[in-house]
Amino acid sequence: MKLFSLLREDLLAARSQDPAATSAVEVGLLYSGVHALWMYRLTHILWQRPRTRGVARLLSQATRALTGIGIHPGASVGRRLFIDHGTGVVIGETAVIGDDVLIYQGVTLGGKALDQQKRHPTIGDRVMLGSGAKVLGPVTIGSDSAIGANAVVVTDIPGGAIAVGIPAHWRFRDANEVVPRDVFIDPVLLT
């Protein structure tokens, strides 16, 4: 997919996922999550060439300073990611994020080791990561899952599950259960 088409798709994804957004112009001018994602798209291209990795990191750090969102240029980010109220979001170098993922403020996709290997999470498609959630290490979060606010995930979570707590524990959603992307997931529901 061409870069400009991808940037437009990011803009439209943010517009469609945020009920407070009044126009695409507003989103394009004022949404720090969109700005950070757009700059990531550029730095990721630069990261692919060894000669421009330093420039990629420099631009990435400048973007973090301006937006409060740190996305390493080496991360792999899918289509239509929306970072809502993004301050404090950190996405590590070996993180992999699928399509149609929603990330709220304060989320960390971080590592637990200093080895030069896969050390950050893999996030499936259509996953919601609640405010302050920490997903640590080379774990996999299955597609169509939801990670509750302030959960600390250090083990794999299967697709279609809801995970909450410290450390996070999970359960599958009921067949008829609909969990809106913007609700707090009460840990009592898991008992």
C-alpha atoms as a PDB file:
ATOM      1  CA  MET A   1       0.000   0.000   0.000  1.00  0.00           C
ATOM      2  CA  LYS A   2       1.343   3.440  -0.878  1.00  0.00           C
ATOM      3  CA  LEU A   3       2.356   5.694   1.994  1.00  0.00           C
ATOM      4  CA  PHE A   4      -0.174   8.453   1.304  1.00  0.00           C
ATOM      5  CA  SER A   5      -3.031   5.952   1.031  1.00  0.00           C
ATOM      6  CA  LEU A   6      -1.950   4.453   4.340  1.00  0.00           C
ATOM      7  CA  LEU A   7      -1.798   7.888   6.007  1.00  0.00           C
ATOM      8  CA  ARG A   8      -5.294   8.685   4.729  1.00  0.00           C
ATOM      9  CA  GLU A   9      -6.548   5.356   6.037  1.00  0.00           C
ATOM     10  CA  ASP A  10      -5.035   6.165   9.469  1.00  0.00           C
ATOM     11  CA  LEU A  11      -6.882   9.488   9.439  1.00  0.00           C
ATOM     12  CA  LEU A  12     -10.198   7.897   8.529  1.00  0.00           C
ATOM     13  CA  ALA A  13      -9.729   5.156  11.146  1.00  0.00           C
ATOM     14  CA  ALA A  14      -9.241   7.744  13.883  1.00  0.00           C
ATOM     15  CA  ARG A  15     -12.253   9.683  12.643  1.00  0.00           C
ATOM     16  CA  SER A  16     -14.460   6.587  12.656  1.00  0.00           C
ATOM     17  CA  GLN A  17     -13.328   5.315  16.075  1.00  0.00           C
ATOM     18  CA  ASP A  18     -13.580   8.572  18.021  1.00  0.00           C
ATOM     19  CA  PRO A  19     -17.142   9.830  18.484  1.00  0.00           C
ATOM     20  CA  ALA A  20     -15.742  13.198  19.620  1.00  0.00           C
ATOM     21  CA  ALA A  21     -14.054  13.825  16.267  1.00  0.00           C
ATOM     22  CA  THR A  22     -16.047  16.365  14.268  1.00  0.00           C
ATOM     23  CA  SER A  23     -14.054  16.302  11.023  1.00  0.00           C
ATOM     24  CA  ALA A  24     -11.072  14.769   9.272  1.00  0.00           C
ATOM     25  CA  VAL A  25      -9.410  18.188   9.341  1.00  0.00           C
ATOM     26  CA  GLU A  26      -9.726  18.297  13.135  1.00  0.00           C
ATOM     27  CA  VAL A  27      -8.217  14.815  13.462  1.00  0.00           C
ATOM     28  CA  GLY A  28      -5.377  15.601  11.064  1.00  0.00           C
ATOM     29  CA  LEU A  29      -4.463  18.825  12.826  1.00  0.00           C
ATOM     30  CA  LEU A  30      -5.080  18.039  16.481  1.00  0.00           C
ATOM     31  CA  TYR A  31      -4.779  14.325  17.260  1.00  0.00           C
ATOM     32  CA  SER A  32      -1.367  13.455  18.713  1.00  0.00           C
ATOM     33  CA  GLY A  33      -1.995   9.730  18.227  1.00  0.00           C
ATOM     34  CA  VAL A  34      -2.431  10.279  14.500  1.00  0.00           C
ATOM     35  CA  HIS A  35       0.658  12.515  14.339  1.00  0.00           C
ATOM     36  CA  ALA A  36       2.778   9.899  16.140  1.00  0.00           C
ATOM     37  CA  LEU A  37       1.479   7.138  13.869  1.00  0.00           C
ATOM     38  CA  TRP A  38       2.169   9.163  10.731  1.00  0.00           C
ATOM     39  CA  MET A  39       5.712   9.915  11.848  1.00  0.00           C
ATOM     40  CA  TYR A  40       6.170   6.231  12.725  1.00  0.00           C
ATOM     41  CA  ARG A  41       5.169   5.324   9.158  1.00  0.00           C
ATOM     42  CA  LEU A  42       7.974   7.568   7.855  1.00  0.00           C
ATOM     43  CA  THR A  43      10.582   6.456  10.403  1.00  0.00           C
ATOM     44  CA  HIS A  44       9.759   2.797   9.767  1.00  0.00           C
ATOM     45  CA  ILE A  45      10.652   3.285   6.098  1.00  0.00           C
ATOM     46  CA  LEU A  46      13.923   4.929   7.137  1.00  0.00           C
ATOM     47  CA  TRP A  47      14.606   2.114   9.632  1.00  0.00           C
ATOM     48  CA  GLN A  48      14.609  -0.436   6.798  1.00  0.00           C
ATOM     49  CA  ARG A  49      17.846   1.078   5.432  1.00  0.00           C
ATOM     50  CA  PRO A  50      20.898   0.701   7.706  1.00  0.00           C
ATOM     51  CA  ARG A  51      22.281   4.067   6.580  1.00  0.00           C
ATOM     52  CA  THR A  52      19.203   5.980   7.730  1.00  0.00           C
ATOM     53  CA  ARG A  53      18.541   4.246  11.050  1.00  0.00           C
ATOM     54  CA  GLY A  54      20.094   7.111  12.996  1.00  0.00           C
ATOM     55  CA  VAL A  55      17.795   9.601  11.284  1.00  0.00           C
ATOM     56  CA  ALA A  56      14.833   7.321  12.001  1.00  0.00           C
ATOM     57  CA  ARG A  57      15.667   7.226  15.722  1.00  0.00           C
ATOM     58  CA  LEU A  58      16.228  10.982  15.835  1.00  0.00           C
ATOM     59  CA  LEU A  59      12.838  11.681  14.247  1.00  0.00           C
ATOM     60  CA  SER A  60      11.223   9.086  16.504  1.00  0.00           C
ATOM     61  CA  GLN A  61      12.616  10.789  19.621  1.00  0.00           C
ATOM     62  CA  ALA A  62      11.532  14.227  18.397  1.00  0.00           C
ATOM     63  CA  THR A  63       8.032  12.852  17.812  1.00  0.00           C
ATOM     64  CA  ARG A  64       7.977  11.374  21.315  1.00  0.00           C
ATOM     65  CA  ALA A  65       8.961  14.760  22.754  1.00  0.00           C
ATOM     66  CA  LEU A  66       6.175  16.493  20.815  1.00  0.00           C
ATOM     67  CA  THR A  67       3.374  13.965  21.245  1.00  0.00           C
ATOM     68  CA  GLY A  68       4.229  11.992  24.383  1.00  0.00           C
ATOM     69  CA  ILE A  69       3.955   8.791  22.321  1.00  0.00           C
ATOM     70  CA  GLY A  70       7.011   6.613  21.704  1.00  0.00           C
ATOM     71  CA  ILE A  71       6.815   4.191  18.784  1.00  0.00           C
ATOM     72  CA  HIS A  72      10.148   2.591  17.926  1.00  0.00           C
ATOM     73  CA  PRO A  73      10.777   2.731  14.158  1.00  0.00           C
ATOM     74  CA  GLY A  74      11.607  -0.991  14.175  1.00  0.00           C
ATOM     75  CA  ALA A  75       8.153  -1.988  15.443  1.00  0.00           C
ATOM     76  CA  SER A  76       5.708  -3.535  12.988  1.00  0.00           C
ATOM     77  CA  VAL A  77       2.347  -1.733  13.007  1.00  0.00           C
ATOM     78  CA  GLY A  78      -0.638  -2.869  10.968  1.00  0.00           C
ATOM     79  CA  ARG A  79      -3.365  -0.864   9.317  1.00  0.00           C
ATOM     80  CA  ARG A  80      -5.907   1.427  10.991  1.00  0.00           C
ATOM     81  CA  LEU A  81      -4.254   1.620  14.417  1.00  0.00           C
ATOM     82  CA  PHE A  82      -5.918   4.287  16.564  1.00  0.00           C
ATOM     83  CA  ILE A  83      -4.113   5.695  19.591  1.00  0.00           C
ATOM     84  CA  ASP A  84      -6.697   7.610  21.629  1.00  0.00           C
ATOM     85  CA  HIS A  85      -5.454  10.269  24.086  1.00  0.00           C
ATOM     86  CA  GLY A  86      -2.014   8.801  23.433  1.00  0.00           C
ATOM     87  CA  THR A  87       0.140  10.402  26.134  1.00  0.00           C
ATOM     88  CA  GLY A  88       2.456   7.847  27.692  1.00  0.00           C
ATOM     89  CA  VAL A  89       2.069   5.144  25.031  1.00  0.00           C
ATOM     90  CA  VAL A  90       5.299   3.182  24.465  1.00  0.00           C
ATOM     91  CA  ILE A  91       5.703   0.618  21.675  1.00  0.00           C
ATOM     92  CA  GLY A  92       9.000  -1.299  21.673  1.00  0.00           C
ATOM     93  CA  GLU A  93      11.291  -2.217  18.800  1.00  0.00           C
ATOM     94  CA  THR A  94      10.191  -5.821  18.259  1.00  0.00           C
ATOM     95  CA  ALA A  95       6.486  -5.239  18.933  1.00  0.00           C
ATOM     96  CA  VAL A  96       4.066  -6.427  16.263  1.00  0.00           C
ATOM     97  CA  ILE A  97       0.590  -4.866  16.088  1.00  0.00           C
ATOM     98  CA  GLY A  98      -2.174  -6.200  13.860  1.00  0.00           C
ATOM     99  CA  ASP A  99      -4.938  -4.328  12.054  1.00  0.00           C
ATOM    100  CA  ASP A 100      -7.772  -2.296  13.606  1.00  0.00           C
ATOM    101  CA  VAL A 101      -6.174  -2.097  17.065  1.00  0.00           C
ATOM    102  CA  LEU A 102      -7.288   0.526  19.592  1.00  0.00           C
ATOM    103  CA  ILE A 103      -4.766   1.758  22.168  1.00  0.00           C
ATOM    104  CA  TYR A 104      -5.652   4.139  24.994  1.00  0.00           C
ATOM    105  CA  GLN A 105      -3.267   6.407  26.909  1.00  0.00           C
ATOM    106  CA  GLY A 106      -0.471   5.032  29.048  1.00  0.00           C
ATOM    107  CA  VAL A 107      -0.215   1.635  27.332  1.00  0.00           C
ATOM    108  CA  THR A 108       3.211  -0.017  27.237  1.00  0.00           C
ATOM    109  CA  LEU A 109       4.160  -2.772  24.811  1.00  0.00           C
ATOM    110  CA  GLY A 110       7.499  -3.415  26.450  1.00  0.00           C
ATOM    111  CA  GLY A 111      10.232  -5.941  26.887  1.00  0.00           C
ATOM    112  CA  LYS A 112      11.460  -7.907  29.896  1.00  0.00           C
ATOM    113  CA  ALA A 113      14.926  -8.799  28.572  1.00  0.00           C
ATOM    114  CA  LEU A 114      17.870  -7.021  27.022  1.00  0.00           C
ATOM    115  CA  ASP A 115      18.676  -9.770  24.520  1.00  0.00           C
ATOM    116  CA  GLN A 116      18.834  -8.989  20.792  1.00  0.00           C
ATOM    117  CA  GLN A 117      15.800 -11.109  19.956  1.00  0.00           C
ATOM    118  CA  LYS A 118      12.016 -10.835  19.887  1.00  0.00           C
ATOM    119  CA  ARG A 119      11.381  -9.246  23.281  1.00  0.00           C
ATOM    120  CA  HIS A 120       8.157  -7.268  22.836  1.00  0.00           C
ATOM    121  CA  PRO A 121       4.521  -8.374  22.448  1.00  0.00           C
ATOM    122  CA  THR A 122       2.602  -9.433  19.378  1.00  0.00           C
ATOM    123  CA  ILE A 123      -0.905  -7.965  19.286  1.00  0.00           C
ATOM    124  CA  GLY A 124      -3.535  -9.562  17.051  1.00  0.00           C
ATOM    125  CA  ASP A 125      -6.220  -7.850  14.980  1.00  0.00           C
ATOM    126  CA  ARG A 126      -9.113  -5.905  16.537  1.00  0.00           C
ATOM    127  CA  VAL A 127      -7.584  -5.812  20.027  1.00  0.00           C
ATOM    128  CA  MET A 128      -8.464  -3.095  22.535  1.00  0.00           C
ATOM    129  CA  LEU A 129      -5.749  -2.131  25.034  1.00  0.00           C
ATOM    130  CA  GLY A 130      -7.233  -0.161  27.958  1.00  0.00           C
ATOM    131  CA  SER A 131      -5.663   2.856  29.646  1.00  0.00           C
ATOM    132  CA  GLY A 132      -2.455   2.073  31.492  1.00  0.00           C
ATOM    133  CA  ALA A 133      -2.259  -1.550  30.353  1.00  0.00           C
ATOM    134  CA  LYS A 134       1.235  -3.058  30.334  1.00  0.00           C
ATOM    135  CA  VAL A 135       1.940  -5.969  28.004  1.00  0.00           C
ATOM    136  CA  LEU A 136       5.462  -7.177  28.713  1.00  0.00           C
ATOM    137  CA  GLY A 137       7.734  -9.637  26.976  1.00  0.00           C
ATOM    138  CA  PRO A 138       7.339 -11.716  23.817  1.00  0.00           C
ATOM    139  CA  VAL A 139       3.741 -12.661  24.591  1.00  0.00           C
ATOM    140  CA  THR A 140       0.893 -12.930  22.097  1.00  0.00           C
ATOM    141  CA  ILE A 141      -2.477 -11.256  22.514  1.00  0.00           C
ATOM    142  CA  GLY A 142      -4.960 -13.050  20.276  1.00  0.00           C
ATOM    143  CA  SER A 143      -7.280 -11.288  17.871  1.00  0.00           C
ATOM    144  CA  ASP A 144     -10.583  -9.858  19.137  1.00  0.00           C
ATOM    145  CA  SER A 145      -9.308  -9.630  22.721  1.00  0.00           C
ATOM    146  CA  ALA A 146      -9.640  -6.806  25.224  1.00  0.00           C
ATOM    147  CA  ILE A 147      -7.033  -5.896  27.843  1.00  0.00           C
ATOM    148  CA  GLY A 148      -8.529  -3.950  30.752  1.00  0.00           C
ATOM    149  CA  ALA A 149      -7.274  -0.698  32.181  1.00  0.00           C
ATOM    150  CA  ASN A 150      -4.044  -1.035  34.187  1.00  0.00           C
ATOM    151  CA  ALA A 151      -3.783  -4.779  33.537  1.00  0.00           C
ATOM    152  CA  VAL A 152      -0.265  -6.221  33.519  1.00  0.00           C
ATOM    153  CA  VAL A 153      -0.009  -9.006  30.943  1.00  0.00           C
ATOM    154  CA  VAL A 154       3.021 -11.315  31.084  1.00  0.00           C
ATOM    155  CA  THR A 155       1.508 -14.467  29.511  1.00  0.00           C
ATOM    156  CA  ASP A 156      -0.241 -15.199  26.229  1.00  0.00           C
ATOM    157  CA  ILE A 157      -3.919 -14.259  25.987  1.00  0.00           C
ATOM    158  CA  PRO A 158      -6.024 -16.271  23.519  1.00  0.00           C
ATOM    159  CA  GLY A 159      -8.195 -14.678  20.874  1.00  0.00           C
ATOM    160  CA  GLY A 160     -11.619 -13.523  22.006  1.00  0.00           C
ATOM    161  CA  ALA A 161     -10.607 -13.179  25.659  1.00  0.00           C
ATOM    162  CA  ILE A 162     -10.904 -10.389  28.205  1.00  0.00           C
ATOM    163  CA  ALA A 163      -7.892  -9.911  30.510  1.00  0.00           C
ATOM    164  CA  VAL A 164      -7.707  -7.808  33.686  1.00  0.00           C
ATOM    165  CA  GLY A 165      -5.660  -7.578  36.865  1.00  0.00           C
ATOM    166  CA  ILE A 166      -2.076  -7.656  38.092  1.00  0.00           C
ATOM    167  CA  PRO A 167      -0.889 -10.066  36.886  1.00  0.00           C
ATOM    168  CA  ALA A 168      -3.649 -10.293  34.304  1.00  0.00           C
ATOM    169  CA  HIS A 169      -5.987 -13.244  34.279  1.00  0.00           C
ATOM    170  CA  TRP A 170      -8.441 -13.869  31.487  1.00  0.00           C
ATOM    171  CA  ARG A 171     -11.708 -15.462  30.473  1.00  0.00           C
ATOM    172  CA  PHE A 172     -13.467 -15.944  27.156  1.00  0.00           C
ATOM    173  CA  ARG A 173     -16.364 -13.682  26.310  1.00  0.00           C
ATOM    174  CA  ASP A 174     -19.808 -15.259  26.338  1.00  0.00           C
ATOM    175  CA  ALA A 175     -21.121 -16.016  22.852  1.00  0.00           C
ATOM    176  CA  ASN A 176     -23.753 -13.247  23.060  1.00  0.00           C
ATOM    177  CA  GLU A 177     -21.616 -10.787  24.979  1.00  0.00           C
ATOM    178  CA  VAL A 178     -20.782  -7.529  23.304  1.00  0.00           C
ATOM    179  CA  VAL A 179     -18.055  -5.501  24.957  1.00  0.00           C
ATOM    180  CA  PRO A 180     -17.953  -1.942  23.654  1.00  0.00           C
ATOM    181  CA  ARG A 181     -14.408  -0.730  23.116  1.00  0.00           C
ATOM    182  CA  ASP A 182     -14.841   2.163  25.517  1.00  0.00           C
ATOM    183  CA  VAL A 183     -16.040   0.508  28.714  1.00  0.00           C
ATOM    184  CA  PHE A 184     -14.047  -0.373  31.778  1.00  0.00           C
ATOM    185  CA  ILE A 185     -13.844  -4.133  32.265  1.00  0.00           C
ATOM    186  CA  ASP A 186     -14.685  -4.914  35.876  1.00  0.00           C
ATOM    187  CA  PRO A 187     -12.399  -7.595  37.388  1.00  0.00           C
ATOM    188  CA  VAL A 188     -15.404  -8.988  39.266  1.00  0.00           C
ATOM    189  CA  LEU A 189     -16.753 -10.211  35.934  1.00  0.00           C
ATOM    190  CA  LEU A 190     -13.896 -12.680  35.757  1.00  0.00           C
ATOM    191  CA  THR A 191     -14.669 -14.452  38.989  1.00  0.00           C
END
